[in-house]
């Protein structure tokens, strides 16, 4: 999630333990979430 001063925290990207992902429209095609529960670590690759 991300937050800027004066605004609500918003979802950027999420991944479930079956590998399903979802993204905010504003980051689709630029950000990629990977990892998750089985690896105990989650990553967010942010491009452009």
ModelCIF file with pLDDT and N, C-alpha, C, O atoms, coordinates in Angstrom:
data_MODEL
#
_entry.id   MODEL 
#
_entity.id                         1 
_entity.type                       polymer 
_entity.pdbx_number_of_molecules   1 
#
_entity_poly.entity_id                      1 
_entity_poly.type                           'polypeptide(L)' 
_entity_poly.nstd_linkage                   no 
_entity_poly.nstd_monomer                   no 
_entity_poly.pdbx_seq_one_letter_code       
;(UNK)(UNK)(UNK)(UNK)(UNK)(UNK)(UNK)(UNK)(UNK)(UNK)(UNK)(UNK)(UNK)(UNK)(UNK)(UNK)
(UNK)(UNK)(UNK)(UNK)(UNK)(UNK)(UNK)(UNK)(UNK)(UNK)(UNK)(UNK)(UNK)(UNK)(UNK)(UNK)
(UNK)(UNK)(UNK)(UNK)(UNK)(UNK)(UNK)(UNK)(UNK)(UNK)(UNK)(UNK)(UNK)(UNK)(UNK)(UNK)
;
_entity_poly.pdbx_seq_one_letter_code_can   XXXXXXXXXXXXXXXXXXXXXXXXXXXXXXXXXXXXXXXXXXXXXXXX 
_entity_poly.pdbx_strand_id                 A 
#
loop_
_entity_poly_seq.entity_id 
_entity_poly_seq.num 
_entity_poly_seq.mon_id 
_entity_poly_seq.hetero 
1 1  UNK n 
1 2  UNK n 
1 3  UNK n 
1 4  UNK n 
1 5  UNK n 
1 6  UNK n 
1 7  UNK n 
1 8  UNK n 
1 9  UNK n 
1 10 UNK n 
1 11 UNK n 
1 12 UNK n 
1 13 UNK n 
1 14 UNK n 
1 15 UNK n 
1 16 UNK n 
1 17 UNK n 
1 18 UNK n 
1 19 UNK n 
1 20 UNK n 
1 21 UNK n 
1 22 UNK n 
1 23 UNK n 
1 24 UNK n 
1 25 UNK n 
1 26 UNK n 
1 27 UNK n 
1 28 UNK n 
1 29 UNK n 
1 30 UNK n 
1 31 UNK n 
1 32 UNK n 
1 33 UNK n 
1 34 UNK n 
1 35 UNK n 
1 36 UNK n 
1 37 UNK n 
1 38 UNK n 
1 39 UNK n 
1 40 UNK n 
1 41 UNK n 
1 42 UNK n 
1 43 UNK n 
1 44 UNK n 
1 45 UNK n 
1 46 UNK n 
1 47 UNK n 
1 48 UNK n 
#
_struct_asym.id          A 
_struct_asym.entity_id   1 
#
loop_
_ma_qa_metric.id 
_ma_qa_metric.mode 
_ma_qa_metric.name 
_ma_qa_metric.software_group_id 
_ma_qa_metric.type 
1 global pLDDT . pLDDT 
2 local  pLDDT . pLDDT 
#
_ma_qa_metric_global.metric_id      1 
_ma_qa_metric_global.metric_value   92.81 
_ma_qa_metric_global.model_id       1 
_ma_qa_metric_global.ordinal_id     1 
#
loop_
_ma_qa_metric_local.label_asym_id 
_ma_qa_metric_local.label_comp_id 
_ma_qa_metric_local.label_seq_id 
_ma_qa_metric_local.metric_id 
_ma_qa_metric_local.metric_value 
_ma_qa_metric_local.model_id 
_ma_qa_metric_local.ordinal_id 
A UNK 1  2 98.00 1 1  
A UNK 2  2 98.00 1 2  
A UNK 3  2 98.00 1 3  
A UNK 4  2 97.00 1 4  
A UNK 5  2 94.00 1 5  
A UNK 6  2 95.00 1 6  
A UNK 7  2 96.00 1 7  
A UNK 8  2 97.00 1 8  
A UNK 9  2 97.00 1 9  
A UNK 10 2 97.00 1 10 
A UNK 11 2 98.00 1 11 
A UNK 12 2 98.00 1 12 
A UNK 13 2 98.00 1 13 
A UNK 14 2 96.00 1 14 
A UNK 15 2 94.00 1 15 
A UNK 16 2 91.00 1 16 
A UNK 17 2 86.00 1 17 
A UNK 18 2 87.00 1 18 
A UNK 19 2 88.00 1 19 
A UNK 20 2 93.00 1 20 
A UNK 21 2 95.00 1 21 
A UNK 22 2 96.00 1 22 
A UNK 23 2 98.00 1 23 
A UNK 24 2 98.00 1 24 
A UNK 25 2 98.00 1 25 
A UNK 26 2 97.00 1 26 
A UNK 27 2 98.00 1 27 
A UNK 28 2 98.00 1 28 
A UNK 29 2 97.00 1 29 
A UNK 30 2 98.00 1 30 
A UNK 31 2 98.00 1 31 
A UNK 32 2 98.00 1 32 
A UNK 33 2 97.00 1 33 
A UNK 34 2 94.00 1 34 
A UNK 35 2 90.00 1 35 
A UNK 36 2 70.00 1 36 
A UNK 37 2 56.00 1 37 
A UNK 38 2 63.00 1 38 
A UNK 39 2 65.00 1 39 
A UNK 40 2 83.00 1 40 
A UNK 41 2 91.00 1 41 
A UNK 42 2 95.00 1 42 
A UNK 43 2 96.00 1 43 
A UNK 44 2 98.00 1 44 
A UNK 45 2 98.00 1 45 
A UNK 46 2 98.00 1 46 
A UNK 47 2 98.00 1 47 
A UNK 48 2 98.00 1 48 
#
loop_
_atom_site.group_PDB 
_atom_site.id 
_atom_site.type_symbol 
_atom_site.label_atom_id 
_atom_site.label_alt_id 
_atom_site.label_comp_id 
_atom_site.label_asym_id 
_atom_site.label_entity_id 
_atom_site.label_seq_id 
_atom_site.pdbx_PDB_ins_code 
_atom_site.Cartn_x 
_atom_site.Cartn_y 
_atom_site.Cartn_z 
_atom_site.occupancy 
_atom_site.B_iso_or_equiv 
_atom_site.pdbx_formal_charge 
_atom_site.auth_seq_id 
_atom_site.auth_comp_id 
_atom_site.auth_asym_id 
_atom_site.auth_atom_id 
_atom_site.pdbx_PDB_model_num 
ATOM 1   N N  . UNK A 1 1  ? 0.857  -1.166  0.000   1.00 98.00 ? 1  UNK A N  1 
ATOM 2   C CA . UNK A 1 1  ? 0.000  0.000   0.000   1.00 98.00 ? 1  UNK A CA 1 
ATOM 3   C C  . UNK A 1 1  ? 0.902  1.226   0.000   1.00 98.00 ? 1  UNK A C  1 
ATOM 4   O O  . UNK A 1 1  ? 2.090  1.131   0.305   1.00 98.00 ? 1  UNK A O  1 
ATOM 5   N N  . UNK A 1 2  ? 0.336  2.369   -0.341  1.00 98.00 ? 2  UNK A N  1 
ATOM 6   C CA . UNK A 1 2  ? 1.096  3.606   -0.252  1.00 98.00 ? 2  UNK A CA 1 
ATOM 7   C C  . UNK A 1 2  ? 0.204  4.730   0.261   1.00 98.00 ? 2  UNK A C  1 
ATOM 8   O O  . UNK A 1 2  ? -1.021 4.702   0.144   1.00 98.00 ? 2  UNK A O  1 
ATOM 9   N N  . UNK A 1 3  ? 0.883  5.718   0.834   1.00 98.00 ? 3  UNK A N  1 
ATOM 10  C CA . UNK A 1 3  ? 0.142  6.836   1.418   1.00 98.00 ? 3  UNK A CA 1 
ATOM 11  C C  . UNK A 1 3  ? 0.946  8.116   1.269   1.00 98.00 ? 3  UNK A C  1 
ATOM 12  O O  . UNK A 1 3  ? 2.159  8.139   1.475   1.00 98.00 ? 3  UNK A O  1 
ATOM 13  N N  . UNK A 1 4  ? 0.238  9.183   0.904   1.00 97.00 ? 4  UNK A N  1 
ATOM 14  C CA . UNK A 1 4  ? 0.825  10.514  0.888   1.00 97.00 ? 4  UNK A CA 1 
ATOM 15  C C  . UNK A 1 4  ? 0.102  11.345  1.942   1.00 97.00 ? 4  UNK A C  1 
ATOM 16  O O  . UNK A 1 4  ? -1.041 11.047  2.291   1.00 97.00 ? 4  UNK A O  1 
ATOM 17  N N  . UNK A 1 5  ? 0.756  12.377  2.447   1.00 94.00 ? 5  UNK A N  1 
ATOM 18  C CA . UNK A 1 5  ? 0.125  13.190  3.501   1.00 94.00 ? 5  UNK A CA 1 
ATOM 19  C C  . UNK A 1 5  ? -1.238 13.730  3.073   1.00 94.00 ? 5  UNK A C  1 
ATOM 20  O O  . UNK A 1 5  ? -1.401 14.252  1.970   1.00 94.00 ? 5  UNK A O  1 
ATOM 21  N N  . UNK A 1 6  ? -2.200 13.591  3.964   1.00 95.00 ? 6  UNK A N  1 
ATOM 22  C CA . UNK A 1 6  ? -3.530 14.118  3.708   1.00 95.00 ? 6  UNK A CA 1 
ATOM 23  C C  . UNK A 1 6  ? -4.433 13.211  2.895   1.00 95.00 ? 6  UNK A C  1 
ATOM 24  O O  . UNK A 1 6  ? -5.586 13.552  2.629   1.00 95.00 ? 6  UNK A O  1 
ATOM 25  N N  . UNK A 1 7  ? -3.915 12.056  2.498   1.00 96.00 ? 7  UNK A N  1 
ATOM 26  C CA . UNK A 1 7  ? -4.732 11.124  1.716   1.00 96.00 ? 7  UNK A CA 1 
ATOM 27  C C  . UNK A 1 7  ? -4.790 9.768   2.395   1.00 96.00 ? 7  UNK A C  1 
ATOM 28  O O  . UNK A 1 7  ? -3.950 9.432   3.230   1.00 96.00 ? 7  UNK A O  1 
ATOM 29  N N  . UNK A 1 8  ? -5.805 8.996   2.016   1.00 97.00 ? 8  UNK A N  1 
ATOM 30  C CA . UNK A 1 8  ? -5.938 7.652   2.568   1.00 97.00 ? 8  UNK A CA 1 
ATOM 31  C C  . UNK A 1 8  ? -4.892 6.718   1.985   1.00 97.00 ? 8  UNK A C  1 
ATOM 32  O O  . UNK A 1 8  ? -4.426 6.888   0.858   1.00 97.00 ? 8  UNK A O  1 
ATOM 33  N N  . UNK A 1 9  ? -4.546 5.742   2.781   1.00 97.00 ? 9  UNK A N  1 
ATOM 34  C CA . UNK A 1 9  ? -3.643 4.701   2.297   1.00 97.00 ? 9  UNK A CA 1 
ATOM 35  C C  . UNK A 1 9  ? -4.365 3.925   1.198   1.00 97.00 ? 9  UNK A C  1 
ATOM 36  O O  . UNK A 1 9  ? -5.541 3.593   1.341   1.00 97.00 ? 9  UNK A O  1 
ATOM 37  N N  . UNK A 1 10 ? -3.664 3.637   0.101   1.00 97.00 ? 10 UNK A N  1 
ATOM 38  C CA . UNK A 1 10 ? -4.290 2.956   -1.025  1.00 97.00 ? 10 UNK A CA 1 
ATOM 39  C C  . UNK A 1 10 ? -3.522 1.700   -1.397  1.00 97.00 ? 10 UNK A C  1 
ATOM 40  O O  . UNK A 1 10 ? -2.302 1.627   -1.257  1.00 97.00 ? 10 UNK A O  1 
ATOM 41  N N  . UNK A 1 11 ? -4.266 0.719   -1.873  1.00 98.00 ? 11 UNK A N  1 
ATOM 42  C CA . UNK A 1 11 ? -3.650 -0.524  -2.331  1.00 98.00 ? 11 UNK A CA 1 
ATOM 43  C C  . UNK A 1 11 ? -2.886 -0.261  -3.624  1.00 98.00 ? 11 UNK A C  1 
ATOM 44  O O  . UNK A 1 11 ? -3.387 0.383   -4.546  1.00 98.00 ? 11 UNK A O  1 
ATOM 45  N N  . UNK A 1 12 ? -1.659 -0.778  -3.665  1.00 98.00 ? 12 UNK A N  1 
ATOM 46  C CA . UNK A 1 12 ? -0.850 -0.716  -4.884  1.00 98.00 ? 12 UNK A CA 1 
ATOM 47  C C  . UNK A 1 12 ? -0.895 -2.060  -5.602  1.00 98.00 ? 12 UNK A C  1 
ATOM 48  O O  . UNK A 1 12 ? -1.194 -2.133  -6.794  1.00 98.00 ? 12 UNK A O  1 
ATOM 49  N N  . UNK A 1 13 ? -0.595 -3.119  -4.859  1.00 98.00 ? 13 UNK A N  1 
ATOM 50  C CA . UNK A 1 13 ? -0.578 -4.459  -5.453  1.00 98.00 ? 13 UNK A CA 1 
ATOM 51  C C  . UNK A 1 13 ? -0.663 -5.483  -4.330  1.00 98.00 ? 13 UNK A C  1 
ATOM 52  O O  . UNK A 1 13 ? -0.235 -5.224  -3.204  1.00 98.00 ? 13 UNK A O  1 
ATOM 53  N N  . UNK A 1 14 ? -1.215 -6.644  -4.645  1.00 96.00 ? 14 UNK A N  1 
ATOM 54  C CA . UNK A 1 14 ? -1.323 -7.708  -3.656  1.00 96.00 ? 14 UNK A CA 1 
ATOM 55  C C  . UNK A 1 14 ? -1.178 -9.048  -4.347  1.00 96.00 ? 14 UNK A C  1 
ATOM 56  O O  . UNK A 1 14 ? -1.453 -9.197  -5.537  1.00 96.00 ? 14 UNK A O  1 
ATOM 57  N N  . UNK A 1 15 ? -0.730 -10.030 -3.549  1.00 94.00 ? 15 UNK A N  1 
ATOM 58  C CA . UNK A 1 15 ? -0.589 -11.390 -4.064  1.00 94.00 ? 15 UNK A CA 1 
ATOM 59  C C  . UNK A 1 15 ? -1.106 -12.355 -3.010  1.00 94.00 ? 15 UNK A C  1 
ATOM 60  O O  . UNK A 1 15 ? -0.783 -12.218 -1.830  1.00 94.00 ? 15 UNK A O  1 
ATOM 61  N N  . UNK A 1 16 ? -1.899 -13.320 -3.422  1.00 91.00 ? 16 UNK A N  1 
ATOM 62  C CA . UNK A 1 16 ? -2.415 -14.316 -2.496  1.00 91.00 ? 16 UNK A CA 1 
ATOM 63  C C  . UNK A 1 16 ? -1.536 -15.574 -2.540  1.00 91.00 ? 16 UNK A C  1 
ATOM 64  O O  . UNK A 1 16 ? -0.661 -15.698 -3.398  1.00 91.00 ? 16 UNK A O  1 
ATOM 65  N N  . UNK A 1 17 ? -1.776 -16.496 -1.614  1.00 86.00 ? 17 UNK A N  1 
ATOM 66  C CA . UNK A 1 17 ? -0.876 -17.642 -1.551  1.00 86.00 ? 17 UNK A CA 1 
ATOM 67  C C  . UNK A 1 17 ? -1.107 -18.650 -2.670  1.00 86.00 ? 17 UNK A C  1 
ATOM 68  O O  . UNK A 1 17 ? -0.379 -19.639 -2.765  1.00 86.00 ? 17 UNK A O  1 
ATOM 69  N N  . UNK A 1 18 ? -2.103 -18.419 -3.517  1.00 87.00 ? 18 UNK A N  1 
ATOM 70  C CA . UNK A 1 18 ? -2.236 -19.246 -4.720  1.00 87.00 ? 18 UNK A CA 1 
ATOM 71  C C  . UNK A 1 18 ? -1.636 -18.546 -5.938  1.00 87.00 ? 18 UNK A C  1 
ATOM 72  O O  . UNK A 1 18 ? -1.757 -19.026 -7.065  1.00 87.00 ? 18 UNK A O  1 
ATOM 73  N N  . UNK A 1 19 ? -0.993 -17.415 -5.698  1.00 88.00 ? 19 UNK A N  1 
ATOM 74  C CA . UNK A 1 19 ? -0.308 -16.697 -6.768  1.00 88.00 ? 19 UNK A CA 1 
ATOM 75  C C  . UNK A 1 19 ? -1.131 -15.664 -7.499  1.00 88.00 ? 19 UNK A C  1 
ATOM 76  O O  . UNK A 1 19 ? -0.622 -15.002 -8.404  1.00 88.00 ? 19 UNK A O  1 
ATOM 77  N N  . UNK A 1 20 ? -2.383 -15.508 -7.132  1.00 93.00 ? 20 UNK A N  1 
ATOM 78  C CA . UNK A 1 20 ? -3.225 -14.495 -7.772  1.00 93.00 ? 20 UNK A CA 1 
ATOM 79  C C  . UNK A 1 20 ? -2.757 -13.102 -7.378  1.00 93.00 ? 20 UNK A C  1 
ATOM 80  O O  . UNK A 1 20 ? -2.395 -12.857 -6.227  1.00 93.00 ? 20 UNK A O  1 
ATOM 81  N N  . UNK A 1 21 ? -2.770 -12.202 -8.336  1.00 95.00 ? 21 UNK A N  1 
ATOM 82  C CA . UNK A 1 21 ? -2.318 -10.839 -8.094  1.00 95.00 ? 21 UNK A CA 1 
ATOM 83  C C  . UNK A 1 21 ? -3.390 -9.835  -8.505  1.00 95.00 ? 21 UNK A C  1 
ATOM 84  O O  . UNK A 1 21 ? -4.229 -10.113 -9.362  1.00 95.00 ? 21 UNK A O  1 
ATOM 85  N N  . UNK A 1 22 ? -3.343 -8.683  -7.886  1.00 96.00 ? 22 UNK A N  1 
ATOM 86  C CA . UNK A 1 22 ? -4.166 -7.576  -8.363  1.00 96.00 ? 22 UNK A CA 1 
ATOM 87  C C  . UNK A 1 22 ? -3.400 -6.279  -8.147  1.00 96.00 ? 22 UNK A C  1 
ATOM 88  O O  . UNK A 1 22 ? -2.575 -6.166  -7.239  1.00 96.00 ? 22 UNK A O  1 
ATOM 89  N N  . UNK A 1 23 ? -3.689 -5.314  -8.993  1.00 98.00 ? 23 UNK A N  1 
ATOM 90  C CA . UNK A 1 23 ? -2.953 -4.053  -9.032  1.00 98.00 ? 23 UNK A CA 1 
ATOM 91  C C  . UNK A 1 23 ? -3.902 -2.876  -9.110  1.00 98.00 ? 23 UNK A C  1 
ATOM 92  O O  . UNK A 1 23 ? -5.003 -2.974  -9.650  1.00 98.00 ? 23 UNK A O  1 
ATOM 93  N N  . UNK A 1 24 ? -3.454 -1.767  -8.561  1.00 98.00 ? 24 UNK A N  1 
ATOM 94  C CA . UNK A 1 24 ? -4.164 -0.514  -8.787  1.00 98.00 ? 24 UNK A CA 1 
ATOM 95  C C  . UNK A 1 24 ? -4.033 -0.158  -10.267 1.00 98.00 ? 24 UNK A C  1 
ATOM 96  O O  . UNK A 1 24 ? -3.008 -0.431  -10.891 1.00 98.00 ? 24 UNK A O  1 
ATOM 97  N N  . UNK A 1 25 ? -5.074 0.450   -10.818 1.00 98.00 ? 25 UNK A N  1 
ATOM 98  C CA . UNK A 1 25 ? -5.043 0.813   -12.237 1.00 98.00 ? 25 UNK A CA 1 
ATOM 99  C C  . UNK A 1 25 ? -3.852 1.717   -12.557 1.00 98.00 ? 25 UNK A C  1 
ATOM 100 O O  . UNK A 1 25 ? -3.277 1.640   -13.643 1.00 98.00 ? 25 UNK A O  1 
ATOM 101 N N  . UNK A 1 26 ? -3.493 2.566   -11.609 1.00 97.00 ? 26 UNK A N  1 
ATOM 102 C CA . UNK A 1 26 ? -2.436 3.546   -11.858 1.00 97.00 ? 26 UNK A CA 1 
ATOM 103 C C  . UNK A 1 26 ? -1.050 2.927   -12.002 1.00 97.00 ? 26 UNK A C  1 
ATOM 104 O O  . UNK A 1 26 ? -0.126 3.589   -12.474 1.00 97.00 ? 26 UNK A O  1 
ATOM 105 N N  . UNK A 1 27 ? -0.892 1.656   -11.598 1.00 98.00 ? 27 UNK A N  1 
ATOM 106 C CA . UNK A 1 27 ? 0.435  1.032   -11.661 1.00 98.00 ? 27 UNK A CA 1 
ATOM 107 C C  . UNK A 1 27 ? 0.484  -0.165  -12.599 1.00 98.00 ? 27 UNK A C  1 
ATOM 108 O O  . UNK A 1 27 ? 1.550  -0.744  -12.806 1.00 98.00 ? 27 UNK A O  1 
ATOM 109 N N  . UNK A 1 28 ? -0.647 -0.539  -13.165 1.00 98.00 ? 28 UNK A N  1 
ATOM 110 C CA . UNK A 1 28 ? -0.677 -1.701  -14.059 1.00 98.00 ? 28 UNK A CA 1 
ATOM 111 C C  . UNK A 1 28 ? 0.272  -1.486  -15.235 1.00 98.00 ? 28 UNK A C  1 
ATOM 112 O O  . UNK A 1 28 ? 0.300  -0.421  -15.853 1.00 98.00 ? 28 UNK A O  1 
ATOM 113 N N  . UNK A 1 29 ? 1.036  -2.515  -15.519 1.00 97.00 ? 29 UNK A N  1 
ATOM 114 C CA . UNK A 1 29 ? 1.995  -2.439  -16.608 1.00 97.00 ? 29 UNK A CA 1 
ATOM 115 C C  . UNK A 1 29 ? 3.328  -1.850  -16.208 1.00 97.00 ? 29 UNK A C  1 
ATOM 116 O O  . UNK A 1 29 ? 4.287  -1.932  -16.975 1.00 97.00 ? 29 UNK A O  1 
ATOM 117 N N  . UNK A 1 30 ? 3.417  -1.258  -15.031 1.00 98.00 ? 30 UNK A N  1 
ATOM 118 C CA . UNK A 1 30 ? 4.677  -0.669  -14.560 1.00 98.00 ? 30 UNK A CA 1 
ATOM 119 C C  . UNK A 1 30 ? 5.227  -1.376  -13.323 1.00 98.00 ? 30 UNK A C  1 
ATOM 120 O O  . UNK A 1 30 ? 6.444  -1.494  -13.176 1.00 98.00 ? 30 UNK A O  1 
ATOM 121 N N  . UNK A 1 31 ? 4.364  -1.841  -12.446 1.00 98.00 ? 31 UNK A N  1 
ATOM 122 C CA . UNK A 1 31 ? 4.772  -2.481  -11.201 1.00 98.00 ? 31 UNK A CA 1 
ATOM 123 C C  . UNK A 1 31 ? 4.475  -3.975  -11.279 1.00 98.00 ? 31 UNK A C  1 
ATOM 124 O O  . UNK A 1 31 ? 3.513  -4.398  -11.921 1.00 98.00 ? 31 UNK A O  1 
ATOM 125 N N  . UNK A 1 32 ? 5.309  -4.761  -10.621 1.00 98.00 ? 32 UNK A N  1 
ATOM 126 C CA . UNK A 1 32 ? 5.096  -6.197  -10.546 1.00 98.00 ? 32 UNK A CA 1 
ATOM 127 C C  . UNK A 1 32 ? 5.330  -6.672  -9.121  1.00 98.00 ? 32 UNK A C  1 
ATOM 128 O O  . UNK A 1 32 ? 6.372  -6.398  -8.524  1.00 98.00 ? 32 UNK A O  1 
ATOM 129 N N  . UNK A 1 33 ? 4.356  -7.383  -8.588  1.00 97.00 ? 33 UNK A N  1 
ATOM 130 C CA . UNK A 1 33 ? 4.498  -7.967  -7.258  1.00 97.00 ? 33 UNK A CA 1 
ATOM 131 C C  . UNK A 1 33 ? 4.852  -9.438  -7.409  1.00 97.00 ? 33 UNK A C  1 
ATOM 132 O O  . UNK A 1 33 ? 4.332  -10.122 -8.289  1.00 97.00 ? 33 UNK A O  1 
ATOM 133 N N  . UNK A 1 34 ? 5.739  -9.919  -6.547  1.00 94.00 ? 34 UNK A N  1 
ATOM 134 C CA . UNK A 1 34 ? 6.131  -11.327 -6.602  1.00 94.00 ? 34 UNK A CA 1 
ATOM 135 C C  . UNK A 1 34 ? 6.472  -11.796 -5.201  1.00 94.00 ? 34 UNK A C  1 
ATOM 136 O O  . UNK A 1 34 ? 6.556  -11.009 -4.258  1.00 94.00 ? 34 UNK A O  1 
ATOM 137 N N  . UNK A 1 35 ? 6.669  -13.115 -5.093  1.00 90.00 ? 35 UNK A N  1 
ATOM 138 C CA . UNK A 1 35 ? 6.975  -13.709 -3.799  1.00 90.00 ? 35 UNK A CA 1 
ATOM 139 C C  . UNK A 1 35 ? 5.695  -14.100 -3.105  1.00 90.00 ? 35 UNK A C  1 
ATOM 140 O O  . UNK A 1 35 ? 4.746  -14.551 -3.748  1.00 90.00 ? 35 UNK A O  1 
ATOM 141 N N  . UNK A 1 36 ? 5.660  -13.930 -1.786  1.00 70.00 ? 36 UNK A N  1 
ATOM 142 C CA . UNK A 1 36 ? 4.459  -14.285 -1.051  1.00 70.00 ? 36 UNK A CA 1 
ATOM 143 C C  . UNK A 1 36 ? 4.745  -15.245 0.065   1.00 70.00 ? 36 UNK A C  1 
ATOM 144 O O  . UNK A 1 36 ? 5.897  -15.463 0.439   1.00 70.00 ? 36 UNK A O  1 
ATOM 145 N N  . UNK A 1 37 ? 3.696  -15.816 0.592   1.00 56.00 ? 37 UNK A N  1 
ATOM 146 C CA . UNK A 1 37 ? 3.779  -16.552 1.838   1.00 56.00 ? 37 UNK A CA 1 
ATOM 147 C C  . UNK A 1 37 ? 4.819  -17.662 1.852   1.00 56.00 ? 37 UNK A C  1 
ATOM 148 O O  . UNK A 1 37 ? 5.595  -17.772 2.802   1.00 56.00 ? 37 UNK A O  1 
ATOM 149 N N  . UNK A 1 38 ? 4.842  -18.466 0.830   1.00 63.00 ? 38 UNK A N  1 
ATOM 150 C CA . UNK A 1 38 ? 5.739  -19.622 0.821   1.00 63.00 ? 38 UNK A CA 1 
ATOM 151 C C  . UNK A 1 38 ? 7.198  -19.208 0.930   1.00 63.00 ? 38 UNK A C  1 
ATOM 152 O O  . UNK A 1 38 ? 8.022  -19.961 1.450   1.00 63.00 ? 38 UNK A O  1 
ATOM 153 N N  . UNK A 1 39 ? 7.517  -18.026 0.447   1.00 65.00 ? 39 UNK A N  1 
ATOM 154 C CA . UNK A 1 39 ? 8.899  -17.558 0.487   1.00 65.00 ? 39 UNK A CA 1 
ATOM 155 C C  . UNK A 1 39 ? 9.109  -16.556 1.605   1.00 65.00 ? 39 UNK A C  1 
ATOM 156 O O  . UNK A 1 39 ? 10.221 -16.056 1.774   1.00 65.00 ? 39 UNK A O  1 
ATOM 157 N N  . UNK A 1 40 ? 8.098  -16.253 2.355   1.00 83.00 ? 40 UNK A N  1 
ATOM 158 C CA . UNK A 1 40 ? 8.179  -15.321 3.476   1.00 83.00 ? 40 UNK A CA 1 
ATOM 159 C C  . UNK A 1 40 ? 8.606  -13.916 3.080   1.00 83.00 ? 40 UNK A C  1 
ATOM 160 O O  . UNK A 1 40 ? 8.803  -13.069 3.952   1.00 83.00 ? 40 UNK A O  1 
ATOM 161 N N  . UNK A 1 41 ? 8.749  -13.657 1.830   1.00 91.00 ? 41 UNK A N  1 
ATOM 162 C CA . UNK A 1 41 ? 9.187  -12.344 1.359   1.00 91.00 ? 41 UNK A CA 1 
ATOM 163 C C  . UNK A 1 41 ? 8.362  -11.954 0.141   1.00 91.00 ? 41 UNK A C  1 
ATOM 164 O O  . UNK A 1 41 ? 8.073  -12.783 -0.722  1.00 91.00 ? 41 UNK A O  1 
ATOM 165 N N  . UNK A 1 42 ? 7.994  -10.702 0.084   1.00 95.00 ? 42 UNK A N  1 
ATOM 166 C CA . UNK A 1 42 ? 7.273  -10.205 -1.076  1.00 95.00 ? 42 UNK A CA 1 
ATOM 167 C C  . UNK A 1 42 ? 8.036  -9.022  -1.646  1.00 95.00 ? 42 UNK A C  1 
ATOM 168 O O  . UNK A 1 42 ? 8.613  -8.224  -0.907  1.00 95.00 ? 42 UNK A O  1 
ATOM 169 N N  . UNK A 1 43 ? 8.033  -8.920  -2.953  1.00 96.00 ? 43 UNK A N  1 
ATOM 170 C CA . UNK A 1 43 ? 8.766  -7.870  -3.641  1.00 96.00 ? 43 UNK A CA 1 
ATOM 171 C C  . UNK A 1 43 ? 7.820  -7.019  -4.467  1.00 96.00 ? 43 UNK A C  1 
ATOM 172 O O  . UNK A 1 43 ? 6.762  -7.479  -4.898  1.00 96.00 ? 43 UNK A O  1 
ATOM 173 N N  . UNK A 1 44 ? 8.209  -5.792  -4.679  1.00 98.00 ? 44 UNK A N  1 
ATOM 174 C CA . UNK A 1 44 ? 7.490  -4.927  -5.588  1.00 98.00 ? 44 UNK A CA 1 
ATOM 175 C C  . UNK A 1 44 ? 8.505  -4.280  -6.524  1.00 98.00 ? 44 UNK A C  1 
ATOM 176 O O  . UNK A 1 44 ? 9.259  -3.393  -6.124  1.00 98.00 ? 44 UNK A O  1 
ATOM 177 N N  . UNK A 1 45 ? 8.515  -4.735  -7.772  1.00 98.00 ? 45 UNK A N  1 
ATOM 178 C CA . UNK A 1 45 ? 9.381  -4.139  -8.773  1.00 98.00 ? 45 UNK A CA 1 
ATOM 179 C C  . UNK A 1 45 ? 8.635  -2.976  -9.405  1.00 98.00 ? 45 UNK A C  1 
ATOM 180 O O  . UNK A 1 45 ? 7.552  -3.147  -9.965  1.00 98.00 ? 45 UNK A O  1 
ATOM 181 N N  . UNK A 1 46 ? 9.225  -1.799  -9.310  1.00 98.00 ? 46 UNK A N  1 
ATOM 182 C CA . UNK A 1 46 ? 8.575  -0.588  -9.807  1.00 98.00 ? 46 UNK A CA 1 
ATOM 183 C C  . UNK A 1 46 ? 9.406  -0.008  -10.938 1.00 98.00 ? 46 UNK A C  1 
ATOM 184 O O  . UNK A 1 46 ? 10.546 0.409   -10.731 1.00 98.00 ? 46 UNK A O  1 
ATOM 185 N N  . UNK A 1 47 ? 8.842  0.014   -12.115 1.00 98.00 ? 47 UNK A N  1 
ATOM 186 C CA . UNK A 1 47 ? 9.507  0.550   -13.296 1.00 98.00 ? 47 UNK A CA 1 
ATOM 187 C C  . UNK A 1 47 ? 8.758  1.777   -13.810 1.00 98.00 ? 47 UNK A C  1 
ATOM 188 O O  . UNK A 1 47 ? 7.605  2.021   -13.454 1.00 98.00 ? 47 UNK A O  1 
ATOM 189 N N  . UNK A 1 48 ? 9.440  2.533   -14.647 1.00 98.00 ? 48 UNK A N  1 
ATOM 190 C CA . UNK A 1 48 ? 8.823  3.737   -15.243 1.00 98.00 ? 48 UNK A CA 1 
ATOM 191 C C  . UNK A 1 48 ? 8.174  4.613   -14.185 1.00 98.00 ? 48 UNK A C  1 
ATOM 192 O O  . UNK A 1 48 ? 7.612  5.659   -14.509 1.00 98.00 ? 48 UNK A O  1 
#
